[in-house]
PDB file of N, CA and C in Angstrom:
ATOM      1  N   UNK A   1      68.441 -67.212  32.009  1.00  0.00           N
ATOM      2  CA  UNK A   1      69.592 -67.897  31.465  1.00  0.00           C
ATOM      3  C   UNK A   1      69.796 -69.200  32.234  1.00  0.00           C
ATOM      4  N   UNK A   2      70.006 -70.250  31.541  1.00  0.00           N
ATOM      5  CA  UNK A   2      70.110 -71.565  32.159  1.00  0.00           C
ATOM      6  C   UNK A   2      71.567 -71.966  32.324  1.00  0.00           C
ATOM      7  N   UNK A   3      71.904 -72.432  33.496  1.00  0.00           N
ATOM      8  CA  UNK A   3      73.277 -72.866  33.753  1.00  0.00           C
ATOM      9  C   UNK A   3      73.549 -74.173  33.017  1.00  0.00           C
ATOM     10  N   UNK A   4      74.711 -74.244  32.398  1.00  0.00           N
ATOM     11  CA  UNK A   4      75.073 -75.460  31.676  1.00  0.00           C
ATOM     12  C   UNK A   4      75.774 -76.460  32.591  1.00  0.00           C
ATOM     13  N   UNK A   5      76.407 -75.978  33.633  1.00  0.00           N
ATOM     14  CA  UNK A   5      77.104 -76.850  34.575  1.00  0.00           C
ATOM     15  C   UNK A   5      76.397 -76.793  35.923  1.00  0.00           C
ATOM     16  N   UNK A   6      76.286 -77.906  36.616  1.00  0.00           N
ATOM     17  CA  UNK A   6      75.651 -77.865  37.934  1.00  0.00           C
ATOM     18  C   UNK A   6      76.520 -77.070  38.911  1.00  0.00           C
ATOM     19  N   UNK A   7      75.874 -76.428  39.852  1.00  0.00           N
ATOM     20  CA  UNK A   7      76.587 -75.633  40.853  1.00  0.00           C
ATOM     21  C   UNK A   7      76.855 -76.522  42.060  1.00  0.00           C
ATOM     22  N   UNK A   8      78.115 -76.593  42.425  1.00  0.00           N
ATOM     23  CA  UNK A   8      78.499 -77.443  43.544  1.00  0.00           C
ATOM     24  C   UNK A   8      78.553 -76.627  44.823  1.00  0.00           C
ATOM     25  N   UNK A   9      78.056 -77.164  45.927  1.00  0.00           N
ATOM     26  CA  UNK A   9      78.136 -76.439  47.196  1.00  0.00           C
ATOM     27  C   UNK A   9      79.577 -76.349  47.680  1.00  0.00           C
ATOM     28  N   UNK A  10      79.952 -75.160  48.121  1.00  0.00           N
ATOM     29  CA  UNK A  10      81.300 -74.935  48.632  1.00  0.00           C
ATOM     30  C   UNK A  10      81.170 -74.193  49.953  1.00  0.00           C
ATOM     31  N   UNK A  11      81.848 -74.655  50.945  1.00  0.00           N
ATOM     32  CA  UNK A  11      81.810 -73.999  52.243  1.00  0.00           C
ATOM     33  C   UNK A  11      83.237 -73.899  52.761  1.00  0.00           C
ATOM     34  N   UNK A  12      83.870 -72.729  52.618  1.00  0.00           N
ATOM     35  CA  UNK A  12      85.254 -72.583  53.070  1.00  0.00           C
ATOM     36  C   UNK A  12      85.378 -72.772  54.581  1.00  0.00           C
ATOM     37  N   UNK A  13      86.532 -73.288  54.997  1.00  0.00           N
ATOM     38  CA  UNK A  13      86.754 -73.542  56.426  1.00  0.00           C
ATOM     39  C   UNK A  13      86.710 -72.259  57.239  1.00  0.00           C
ATOM     40  N   UNK A  14      87.175 -71.138  56.658  1.00  0.00           N
ATOM     41  CA  UNK A  14      87.156 -69.874  57.392  1.00  0.00           C
ATOM     42  C   UNK A  14      85.727 -69.439  57.694  1.00  0.00           C
ATOM     43  N   UNK A  15      84.807 -69.726  56.776  1.00  0.00           N
ATOM     44  CA  UNK A  15      83.407 -69.380  57.013  1.00  0.00           C
ATOM     45  C   UNK A  15      82.819 -70.253  58.109  1.00  0.00           C
ATOM     46  N   UNK A  16      83.267 -71.504  58.172  1.00  0.00           N
ATOM     47  CA  UNK A  16      82.773 -72.394  59.217  1.00  0.00           C
ATOM     48  C   UNK A  16      83.243 -71.955  60.595  1.00  0.00           C
ATOM     49  N   UNK A  17      84.472 -71.495  60.674  1.00  0.00           N
ATOM     50  CA  UNK A  17      85.043 -71.125  61.968  1.00  0.00           C
ATOM     51  C   UNK A  17      84.377 -69.879  62.537  1.00  0.00           C
ATOM     52  N   UNK A  18      83.993 -68.926  61.694  1.00  0.00           N
ATOM     53  CA  UNK A  18      83.450 -67.662  62.181  1.00  0.00           C
ATOM     54  C   UNK A  18      81.935 -67.638  62.192  1.00  0.00           C
ATOM     55  N   UNK A  19      81.302 -68.618  61.569  1.00  0.00           N
ATOM     56  CA  UNK A  19      79.846 -68.611  61.444  1.00  0.00           C
ATOM     57  C   UNK A  19      79.194 -69.216  62.679  1.00  0.00           C
ATOM     58  N   UNK A  20      78.160 -68.519  63.196  1.00  0.00           N
ATOM     59  CA  UNK A  20      77.400 -69.055  64.316  1.00  0.00           C
ATOM     60  C   UNK A  20      76.119 -69.710  63.811  1.00  0.00           C
ATOM     61  N   UNK A  21      75.932 -69.688  62.505  1.00  0.00           N
ATOM     62  CA  UNK A  21      74.758 -70.283  61.876  1.00  0.00           C
ATOM     63  C   UNK A  21      75.005 -71.776  61.739  1.00  0.00           C
ATOM     64  N   UNK A  22      74.004 -72.528  61.341  1.00  0.00           N
ATOM     65  CA  UNK A  22      74.121 -73.964  61.159  1.00  0.00           C
ATOM     66  C   UNK A  22      75.338 -74.290  60.307  1.00  0.00           C
ATOM     67  N   UNK A  23      76.237 -75.090  60.823  1.00  0.00           N
ATOM     68  CA  UNK A  23      77.494 -75.427  60.155  1.00  0.00           C
ATOM     69  C   UNK A  23      77.247 -76.213  58.876  1.00  0.00           C
ATOM     70  N   UNK A  24      76.164 -76.944  58.794  1.00  0.00           N
ATOM     71  CA  UNK A  24      75.892 -77.775  57.627  1.00  0.00           C
ATOM     72  C   UNK A  24      75.189 -77.024  56.506  1.00  0.00           C
ATOM     73  N   UNK A  25      75.022 -75.715  56.641  1.00  0.00           N
ATOM     74  CA  UNK A  25      74.369 -74.925  55.596  1.00  0.00           C
ATOM     75  C   UNK A  25      75.238 -74.918  54.351  1.00  0.00           C
ATOM     76  N   UNK A  26      74.618 -75.028  53.198  1.00  0.00           N
ATOM     77  CA  UNK A  26      75.349 -75.027  51.937  1.00  0.00           C
ATOM     78  C   UNK A  26      75.615 -73.595  51.479  1.00  0.00           C
ATOM     79  N   UNK A  27      76.849 -73.353  51.092  1.00  0.00           N
ATOM     80  CA  UNK A  27      77.235 -72.061  50.543  1.00  0.00           C
ATOM     81  C   UNK A  27      77.603 -72.304  49.096  1.00  0.00           C
ATOM     82  N   UNK A  28      76.970 -71.574  48.177  1.00  0.00           N
ATOM     83  CA  UNK A  28      77.227 -71.774  46.756  1.00  0.00           C
ATOM     84  C   UNK A  28      78.126 -70.670  46.235  1.00  0.00           C
ATOM     85  N   UNK A  29      79.220 -71.053  45.647  1.00  0.00           N
ATOM     86  CA  UNK A  29      80.149 -70.096  45.063  1.00  0.00           C
ATOM     87  C   UNK A  29      79.867 -70.023  43.567  1.00  0.00           C
ATOM     88  N   UNK A  30      79.033 -69.056  43.184  1.00  0.00           N
ATOM     89  CA  UNK A  30      78.643 -68.927  41.782  1.00  0.00           C
ATOM     90  C   UNK A  30      79.792 -68.424  40.918  1.00  0.00           C
ATOM     91  N   UNK A  31      80.758 -67.752  41.519  1.00  0.00           N
ATOM     92  CA  UNK A  31      81.894 -67.246  40.764  1.00  0.00           C
ATOM     93  C   UNK A  31      82.726 -68.353  40.148  1.00  0.00           C
ATOM     94  N   UNK A  32      82.737 -69.528  40.767  1.00  0.00           N
ATOM     95  CA  UNK A  32      83.521 -70.635  40.220  1.00  0.00           C
ATOM     96  C   UNK A  32      82.933 -71.156  38.915  1.00  0.00           C
ATOM     97  N   UNK A  33      81.648 -70.914  38.683  1.00  0.00           N
ATOM     98  CA  UNK A  33      80.979 -71.453  37.508  1.00  0.00           C
ATOM     99  C   UNK A  33      80.734 -70.409  36.424  1.00  0.00           C
ATOM    100  N   UNK A  34      81.355 -69.248  36.569  1.00  0.00           N
ATOM    101  CA  UNK A  34      81.156 -68.203  35.558  1.00  0.00           C
ATOM    102  C   UNK A  34      81.777 -68.672  34.243  1.00  0.00           C
ATOM    103  N   UNK A  35      80.991 -68.611  33.179  1.00  0.00           N
ATOM    104  CA  UNK A  35      81.512 -69.144  31.919  1.00  0.00           C
ATOM    105  C   UNK A  35      82.468 -68.159  31.252  1.00  0.00           C
ATOM    106  N   UNK A  36      83.305 -68.684  30.400  1.00  0.00           N
ATOM    107  CA  UNK A  36      84.379 -67.919  29.763  1.00  0.00           C
ATOM    108  C   UNK A  36      83.847 -66.791  28.886  1.00  0.00           C
ATOM    109  N   UNK A  37      82.753 -67.006  28.198  1.00  0.00           N
ATOM    110  CA  UNK A  37      82.248 -65.978  27.296  1.00  0.00           C
ATOM    111  C   UNK A  37      81.787 -64.737  28.055  1.00  0.00           C
ATOM    112  N   UNK A  38      81.158 -64.906  29.201  1.00  0.00           N
ATOM    113  CA  UNK A  38      80.737 -63.734  29.970  1.00  0.00           C
ATOM    114  C   UNK A  38      81.944 -63.015  30.557  1.00  0.00           C
ATOM    115  N   UNK A  39      82.968 -63.765  30.923  1.00  0.00           N
ATOM    116  CA  UNK A  39      84.192 -63.137  31.434  1.00  0.00           C
ATOM    117  C   UNK A  39      84.865 -62.324  30.339  1.00  0.00           C
ATOM    118  N   UNK A  40      84.946 -62.885  29.138  1.00  0.00           N
ATOM    119  CA  UNK A  40      85.549 -62.157  28.018  1.00  0.00           C
ATOM    120  C   UNK A  40      84.718 -60.941  27.622  1.00  0.00           C
ATOM    121  N   UNK A  41      83.397 -61.077  27.691  1.00  0.00           N
ATOM    122  CA  UNK A  41      82.522 -59.947  27.389  1.00  0.00           C
ATOM    123  C   UNK A  41      82.746 -58.819  28.397  1.00  0.00           C
ATOM    124  N   UNK A  42      82.891 -59.172  29.656  1.00  0.00           N
ATOM    125  CA  UNK A  42      83.140 -58.168  30.706  1.00  0.00           C
ATOM    126  C   UNK A  42      84.484 -57.474  30.483  1.00  0.00           C
ATOM    127  N   UNK A  43      85.501 -58.234  30.098  1.00  0.00           N
ATOM    128  CA  UNK A  43      86.816 -57.651  29.807  1.00  0.00           C
ATOM    129  C   UNK A  43      86.708 -56.679  28.643  1.00  0.00           C
ATOM    130  N   UNK A  44      85.994 -57.090  27.590  1.00  0.00           N
ATOM    131  CA  UNK A  44      85.824 -56.217  26.419  1.00  0.00           C
ATOM    132  C   UNK A  44      85.089 -54.928  26.799  1.00  0.00           C
ATOM    133  N   UNK A  45      84.048 -55.042  27.622  1.00  0.00           N
ATOM    134  CA  UNK A  45      83.309 -53.860  28.064  1.00  0.00           C
ATOM    135  C   UNK A  45      84.191 -52.930  28.895  1.00  0.00           C
ATOM    136  N   UNK A  46      85.020 -53.496  29.761  1.00  0.00           N
ATOM    137  CA  UNK A  46      85.918 -52.685  30.575  1.00  0.00           C
ATOM    138  C   UNK A  46      86.984 -51.997  29.730  1.00  0.00           C
ATOM    139  N   UNK A  47      87.483 -52.688  28.709  1.00  0.00           N
ATOM    140  CA  UNK A  47      88.459 -52.068  27.808  1.00  0.00           C
ATOM    141  C   UNK A  47      87.834 -50.905  27.054  1.00  0.00           C
ATOM    142  N   UNK A  48      86.577 -51.075  26.624  1.00  0.00           N
ATOM    143  CA  UNK A  48      85.871 -49.996  25.923  1.00  0.00           C
ATOM    144  C   UNK A  48      85.659 -48.802  26.857  1.00  0.00           C
ATOM    145  N   UNK A  49      85.237 -49.069  28.088  1.00  0.00           N
ATOM    146  CA  UNK A  49      85.039 -48.003  29.064  1.00  0.00           C
ATOM    147  C   UNK A  49      86.355 -47.283  29.360  1.00  0.00           C
ATOM    148  N   UNK A  50      87.443 -48.036  29.448  1.00  0.00           N
ATOM    149  CA  UNK A  50      88.753 -47.442  29.689  1.00  0.00           C
ATOM    150  C   UNK A  50      89.151 -46.522  28.531  1.00  0.00           C
ATOM    151  N   UNK A  51      88.880 -46.945  27.292  1.00  0.00           N
ATOM    152  CA  UNK A  51      89.196 -46.122  26.130  1.00  0.00           C
ATOM    153  C   UNK A  51      88.396 -44.822  26.151  1.00  0.00           C
ATOM    154  N   UNK A  52      87.118 -44.910  26.525  1.00  0.00           N
ATOM    155  CA  UNK A  52      86.299 -43.697  26.611  1.00  0.00           C
ATOM    156  C   UNK A  52      86.816 -42.748  27.688  1.00  0.00           C
ATOM    157  N   UNK A  53      87.201 -43.307  28.824  1.00  0.00           N
ATOM    158  CA  UNK A  53      87.737 -42.471  29.906  1.00  0.00           C
ATOM    159  C   UNK A  53      89.053 -41.810  29.503  1.00  0.00           C
ATOM    160  N   UNK A  54      89.916 -42.541  28.813  1.00  0.00           N
ATOM    161  CA  UNK A  54      91.180 -41.962  28.349  1.00  0.00           C
ATOM    162  C   UNK A  54      90.926 -40.841  27.347  1.00  0.00           C
ATOM    163  N   UNK A  55      89.914 -41.013  26.499  1.00  0.00           N
ATOM    164  CA  UNK A  55      89.554 -39.957  25.543  1.00  0.00           C
ATOM    165  C   UNK A  55      89.081 -38.711  26.277  1.00  0.00           C
ATOM    166  N   UNK A  56      88.286 -38.910  27.328  1.00  0.00           N
ATOM    167  CA  UNK A  56      87.815 -37.764  28.122  1.00  0.00           C
ATOM    168  C   UNK A  56      88.976 -37.060  28.808  1.00  0.00           C
ATOM    169  N   UNK A  57      89.933 -37.812  29.314  1.00  0.00           N
ATOM    170  CA  UNK A  57      91.102 -37.221  29.966  1.00  0.00           C
ATOM    171  C   UNK A  57      91.884 -36.374  28.966  1.00  0.00           C
ATOM    172  N   UNK A  58      92.089 -36.905  27.771  1.00  0.00           N
ATOM    173  CA  UNK A  58      92.830 -36.182  26.732  1.00  0.00           C
ATOM    174  C   UNK A  58      92.096 -34.898  26.345  1.00  0.00           C
ATOM    175  N   UNK A  59      90.781 -35.001  26.132  1.00  0.00           N
ATOM    176  CA  UNK A  59      90.004 -33.820  25.763  1.00  0.00           C
ATOM    177  C   UNK A  59      90.008 -32.781  26.876  1.00  0.00           C
ATOM    178  N   UNK A  60      89.953 -33.234  28.123  1.00  0.00           N
ATOM    179  CA  UNK A  60      89.991 -32.306  29.260  1.00  0.00           C
ATOM    180  C   UNK A  60      91.335 -31.593  29.325  1.00  0.00           C
ATOM    181  N   UNK A  61      92.422 -32.315  29.072  1.00  0.00           N
ATOM    182  CA  UNK A  61      93.747 -31.686  29.076  1.00  0.00           C
ATOM    183  C   UNK A  61      93.845 -30.630  27.977  1.00  0.00           C
ATOM    184  N   UNK A  62      93.281 -30.917  26.819  1.00  0.00           N
ATOM    185  CA  UNK A  62      93.295 -29.946  25.719  1.00  0.00           C
ATOM    186  C   UNK A  62      92.485 -28.710  26.104  1.00  0.00           C
ATOM    187  N   UNK A  63      91.312 -28.908  26.692  1.00  0.00           N
ATOM    188  CA  UNK A  63      90.477 -27.778  27.119  1.00  0.00           C
ATOM    189  C   UNK A  63      91.174 -26.943  28.186  1.00  0.00           C
ATOM    190  N   UNK A  64      91.873 -27.577  29.106  1.00  0.00           N
ATOM    191  CA  UNK A  64      92.619 -26.839  30.140  1.00  0.00           C
ATOM    192  C   UNK A  64      93.698 -25.989  29.496  1.00  0.00           C
ATOM    193  N   UNK A  65      94.415 -26.546  28.529  1.00  0.00           N
ATOM    194  CA  UNK A  65      95.457 -25.786  27.834  1.00  0.00           C
ATOM    195  C   UNK A  65      94.850 -24.601  27.099  1.00  0.00           C
ATOM    196  N   UNK A  66      93.693 -24.787  26.468  1.00  0.00           N
ATOM    197  CA  UNK A  66      93.038 -23.679  25.764  1.00  0.00           C
ATOM    198  C   UNK A  66      92.584 -22.606  26.734  1.00  0.00           C
ATOM    199  N   UNK A  67      92.055 -23.004  27.890  1.00  0.00           N
ATOM    200  CA  UNK A  67      91.617 -22.030  28.893  1.00  0.00           C
ATOM    201  C   UNK A  67      92.807 -21.257  29.463  1.00  0.00           C
ATOM    202  N   UNK A  68      93.930 -21.922  29.655  1.00  0.00           N
ATOM    203  CA  UNK A  68      95.131 -21.225  30.150  1.00  0.00           C
ATOM    204  C   UNK A  68      95.591 -20.179  29.147  1.00  0.00           C
ATOM    205  N   UNK A  69      95.545 -20.535  27.846  1.00  0.00           N
ATOM    206  CA  UNK A  69      95.921 -19.578  26.807  1.00  0.00           C
ATOM    207  C   UNK A  69      94.989 -18.372  26.812  1.00  0.00           C
ATOM    208  N   UNK A  70      93.695 -18.621  26.979  1.00  0.00           N
ATOM    209  CA  UNK A  70      92.732 -17.515  27.028  1.00  0.00           C
ATOM    210  C   UNK A  70      92.979 -16.615  28.245  1.00  0.00           C
ATOM    211  N   UNK A  71      93.294 -17.214  29.376  1.00  0.00           N
ATOM    212  CA  UNK A  71      93.539 -16.432  30.584  1.00  0.00           C
ATOM    213  C   UNK A  71      94.809 -15.609  30.479  1.00  0.00           C
ATOM    214  N   UNK A  72      95.852 -16.151  29.874  1.00  0.00           N
ATOM    215  CA  UNK A  72      97.108 -15.411  29.754  1.00  0.00           C
ATOM    216  C   UNK A  72      97.030 -14.339  28.667  1.00  0.00           C
ATOM    217  N   UNK A  73      96.132 -14.482  27.712  1.00  0.00           N
ATOM    218  CA  UNK A  73      96.016 -13.474  26.646  1.00  0.00           C
ATOM    219  C   UNK A  73      95.282 -12.235  27.121  1.00  0.00           C
ATOM    220  N   UNK A  74      94.524 -12.325  28.203  1.00  0.00           N
ATOM    221  CA  UNK A  74      93.782 -11.168  28.722  1.00  0.00           C
ATOM    222  C   UNK A  74      94.608 -10.384  29.637  1.00  0.00           C
TER     223      UNK A  74
END
């Protein structure tokens, strides 16, 4: 996948203060250049995963209730 925007070097001051490595080393923050479509795709995937997990929770609660009924009937 080809980047549409150039990646700019970013070196936070906190990294400079604690780093014993060459101070002039370039640090690239790729998160700043994440495009909107991939962010929206990730949100959509997380919402889908959340819906599946909620469905599993609901089904598990139903199964627990059925098992309790079976245990009390014996």
